[in-house]
Protein backbone atom coordinates (compact mmCIF):
# COMPACT_ATOMS: atom_id res chain seq x y z
CA MET A 1 -77.87 161.68 123.76
CA ARG A 2 -79.97 162.85 126.71
CA VAL A 3 -78.12 164.49 129.48
CA HIS A 4 -79.44 164.77 133.36
CA LEU A 5 -78.31 167.50 135.31
CA GLY A 6 -78.94 168.20 138.98
CA CYS A 7 -76.99 170.84 141.43
CA ASP A 8 -77.16 172.87 144.49
CA HIS A 9 -76.99 176.72 145.00
CA ALA A 10 -72.81 176.40 144.35
CA GLY A 11 -73.47 174.67 140.92
CA LEU A 12 -76.34 176.72 139.71
CA GLU A 13 -74.39 179.17 137.43
CA LEU A 14 -72.49 176.18 135.79
CA LYS A 15 -75.51 174.04 135.37
CA ASP A 16 -77.24 177.02 133.63
CA HIS A 17 -74.20 177.27 131.47
CA LEU A 18 -73.97 173.79 130.78
CA THR A 19 -77.80 173.56 129.85
CA ARG A 20 -77.09 175.92 126.98
CA TRP A 21 -73.76 174.49 126.06
CA LEU A 22 -75.49 171.05 125.88
CA THR A 23 -78.18 172.43 123.48
CA ASP A 24 -75.72 174.20 121.16
CA HIS A 25 -73.74 170.86 120.85
CA GLY A 26 -76.49 168.62 119.97
CA PHE A 27 -77.43 166.92 123.34
CA GLU A 28 -80.90 166.88 125.01
CA PRO A 29 -80.44 168.22 128.57
CA VAL A 30 -82.94 167.28 131.26
CA ASP A 31 -82.83 169.94 134.20
CA HIS A 32 -83.69 168.59 137.33
CA GLY A 33 -83.11 172.02 139.37
CA PRO A 34 -82.71 173.99 141.08
CA PHE A 35 -84.06 176.84 138.74
CA ARG A 36 -83.27 179.72 141.33
CA TYR A 37 -80.52 180.45 143.80
CA ASP A 38 -81.28 179.38 147.27
CA ALA A 39 -78.15 179.58 149.47
CA VAL A 40 -79.33 176.82 151.87
CA ASP A 41 -80.87 174.26 149.32
CA ASP A 42 -80.01 170.38 149.56
CA TYR A 43 -77.90 169.04 146.65
CA PRO A 44 -79.54 165.36 147.27
CA VAL A 45 -83.04 166.56 145.99
CA PHE A 46 -81.77 167.57 142.76
CA CYS A 47 -78.66 165.02 142.57
CA LEU A 48 -80.92 161.93 143.23
CA ARG A 49 -83.30 162.94 140.65
CA ALA A 50 -80.89 163.41 138.12
CA ALA A 51 -79.29 160.14 138.68
CA GLU A 52 -82.80 158.51 138.78
CA GLY A 53 -83.48 159.97 135.45
CA VAL A 54 -80.45 158.36 134.15
CA ALA A 55 -81.06 154.92 135.55
CA ALA A 56 -84.76 154.98 134.09
CA ASP A 57 -83.38 156.02 130.52
CA ARG A 58 -80.94 153.35 130.73
CA ALA A 59 -83.44 150.77 132.02
CA ASP A 60 -85.72 151.75 129.00
CA GLY A 61 -82.77 151.24 126.52
CA LEU A 62 -81.87 154.99 125.91
CA ASP A 63 -78.43 156.28 125.99
CA SER A 64 -78.26 158.62 128.49
CA LEU A 65 -75.50 160.36 131.04
CA GLY A 66 -75.83 162.72 133.97
CA VAL A 67 -73.89 165.67 135.32
CA VAL A 68 -74.41 166.73 139.07
CA ILE A 69 -72.65 169.88 140.29
CA GLY A 70 -71.97 171.34 143.63
CA GLY A 71 -69.29 173.15 145.44
CA SER A 72 -66.73 170.41 145.32
CA GLY A 73 -68.65 167.84 143.58
CA ASN A 74 -68.14 165.25 146.48
CA GLY A 75 -71.58 165.24 148.10
CA GLU A 76 -73.18 165.24 144.69
CA GLN A 77 -71.38 162.25 143.76
CA MET A 78 -72.39 160.50 146.87
CA ALA A 79 -75.82 161.23 146.33
CA ALA A 80 -75.59 160.01 142.74
CA ASN A 81 -74.14 157.04 143.77
CA LYS A 82 -77.02 156.08 146.27
CA VAL A 83 -79.19 155.36 143.10
CA ALA A 84 -79.28 151.70 142.27
CA GLY A 85 -77.19 150.69 139.31
CA VAL A 86 -75.62 154.08 138.99
CA ARG A 87 -71.90 154.72 139.11
CA ALA A 88 -70.90 158.43 139.49
CA ALA A 89 -67.49 159.57 139.49
CA LEU A 90 -65.84 162.71 140.66
CA VAL A 91 -63.56 164.27 138.17
CA TRP A 92 -60.96 167.01 138.38
CA SER A 93 -58.92 166.56 135.07
CA GLU A 94 -59.70 165.43 131.55
CA GLU A 95 -57.77 162.22 132.31
CA THR A 96 -60.08 161.41 135.42
CA ALA A 97 -63.07 162.36 133.16
CA SER A 98 -61.95 160.04 130.26
CA LEU A 99 -61.22 157.12 132.89
CA ALA A 100 -64.38 157.62 134.54
CA ARG A 101 -65.98 156.36 131.07
CA GLU A 102 -63.34 154.17 129.82
CA HIS A 103 -62.66 152.10 133.00
CA ASN A 104 -65.74 152.40 135.04
CA ASP A 105 -68.52 153.01 132.61
CA ALA A 106 -69.46 155.89 134.92
CA TRP A 107 -73.16 156.91 133.95
CA VAL A 108 -72.75 160.36 135.94
CA VAL A 109 -70.01 162.64 136.25
CA ALA A 110 -69.73 165.12 139.54
CA VAL A 111 -67.74 168.22 139.17
CA GLY A 112 -66.92 170.86 141.55
CA GLY A 113 -68.17 174.76 140.60
CA ARG A 114 -65.84 176.13 143.25
CA MET A 115 -62.66 174.07 142.06
CA HIS A 116 -62.21 175.25 138.46
CA PRO A 117 -63.11 178.03 135.82
CA LEU A 118 -66.09 177.61 133.96
CA GLU A 119 -64.27 177.04 130.71
CA GLU A 120 -62.18 174.18 132.26
CA LEU A 121 -65.31 172.70 133.89
CA THR A 122 -67.24 172.59 130.61
CA ARG A 123 -64.35 170.73 129.15
CA LEU A 124 -64.30 168.16 131.89
CA VAL A 125 -67.96 167.74 131.07
CA GLU A 126 -67.43 167.36 127.52
CA VAL A 127 -64.62 164.79 127.66
CA PHE A 128 -66.88 162.83 129.97
CA LEU A 129 -69.89 162.87 127.43
CA THR A 130 -67.90 162.08 124.41
CA THR A 131 -65.53 159.40 125.84
CA SER A 132 -67.16 155.73 125.36
CA PHE A 133 -66.72 152.73 127.52
CA PRO A 134 -64.83 150.27 125.24
CA GLY A 135 -65.86 147.21 127.35
CA ASP A 136 -62.53 145.76 128.04
CA GLU A 137 -62.93 142.47 130.17
CA ARG A 138 -61.22 143.30 133.05
CA HIS A 139 -63.35 146.70 133.48
CA VAL A 140 -66.46 144.69 132.90
CA ARG A 141 -65.33 142.13 135.54
CA ARG A 142 -64.75 144.85 138.13
CA ILE A 143 -67.98 146.50 137.29
CA GLY A 144 -69.83 143.27 137.62
CA GLN A 145 -68.44 142.65 141.15
CA MET A 146 -69.79 145.85 142.25
CA ALA A 147 -73.03 145.21 140.67
CA ALA A 148 -73.42 141.83 142.25
CA TYR A 149 -72.36 143.29 145.57
CA GLU A 150 -75.01 145.76 145.51
CA ARG A 151 -77.58 143.13 144.56
CA SER A 152 -76.55 140.71 147.16
CA GLY A 153 -74.45 142.32 149.85
CA GLU A 154 -72.02 139.56 149.59
CA LEU A 155 -68.26 140.44 149.08
CA PRO A 156 -66.63 139.12 146.21
CA PRO A 157 -64.12 136.27 146.86
CA LEU A 158 -60.46 137.14 147.95
CA PRO A 159 -58.01 136.39 145.05
CA ASP A 160 -54.62 134.63 145.40
CA SER A 161 -52.83 137.98 145.87
CA ALA A 162 -54.58 138.30 149.42
CA VAL A 163 -52.80 134.87 150.43
CA ASP A 164 -49.82 135.43 153.16
CA GLY A 165 -46.91 133.86 151.75
CA ALA A 166 -45.61 132.91 155.35
CA ASP A 167 -48.60 130.56 156.45
CA GLY A 168 -50.75 130.41 153.56
CA ALA A 169 -53.59 131.93 155.42
CA ALA A 170 -55.50 134.95 154.17
CA GLY A 171 -53.25 138.10 154.69
CA ALA A 172 -56.34 140.20 155.15
CA ALA A 173 -58.05 137.71 157.41
CA GLY A 174 -59.22 140.73 159.96
CA ALA A 175 -60.37 142.77 156.67
CA ASP A 176 -63.33 140.61 155.94
CA ALA A 177 -64.47 140.57 159.74
C-alpha cells in the first residue's frame, strides 16, 4: 500500500521516523516534505500535496492512504480535508484511529507530533493503516451524504427525528436558515 506523508516543522522528526518504519513494514511511503527543518514553514504546502496524492492514487484505482503531521494535527487535518473527496481524521487514541477507518473510511490520518511519544504515534498510524472499512450500510449512507453535499452544496433532508412533537414543525427550523 502506498502511503503519502506531509507535515510541518513540528512533525518532521515523526515523518522521517514513519518513512523508515513504513518501508520496514512493507508499505510504499511517498514523502511530500518538508525535507529539512524550517521553524516557520507552512503545513498546507505539504499536507495538501499528501492529500492530493492519495486522491489521485484512489482515482487511478490504487490502494493508498495518507498521514499528515503537525504539532497538534488540527491544521493538518483541516488542510487535507480541503482536497475534494478526501476524508481526513484527527486521531489521538487507538480507538479513534480504528473508528476513522471503520466508520468514516478516512483516507488520511492526522496526528499531533507534540501530543504523544514517538512509539504511541507510530502505533496510532499503524492501527489506522491496518484497519479496513467494512462498508456497513449506515456508514456508506453517511459518507454518501457528505459526498453529495461536497458536490452540490445542498444539505441532506432533515430526518423525522428533527420534527418537533409539539406542533409537527421542524424543531430545528432556524438551523437550516
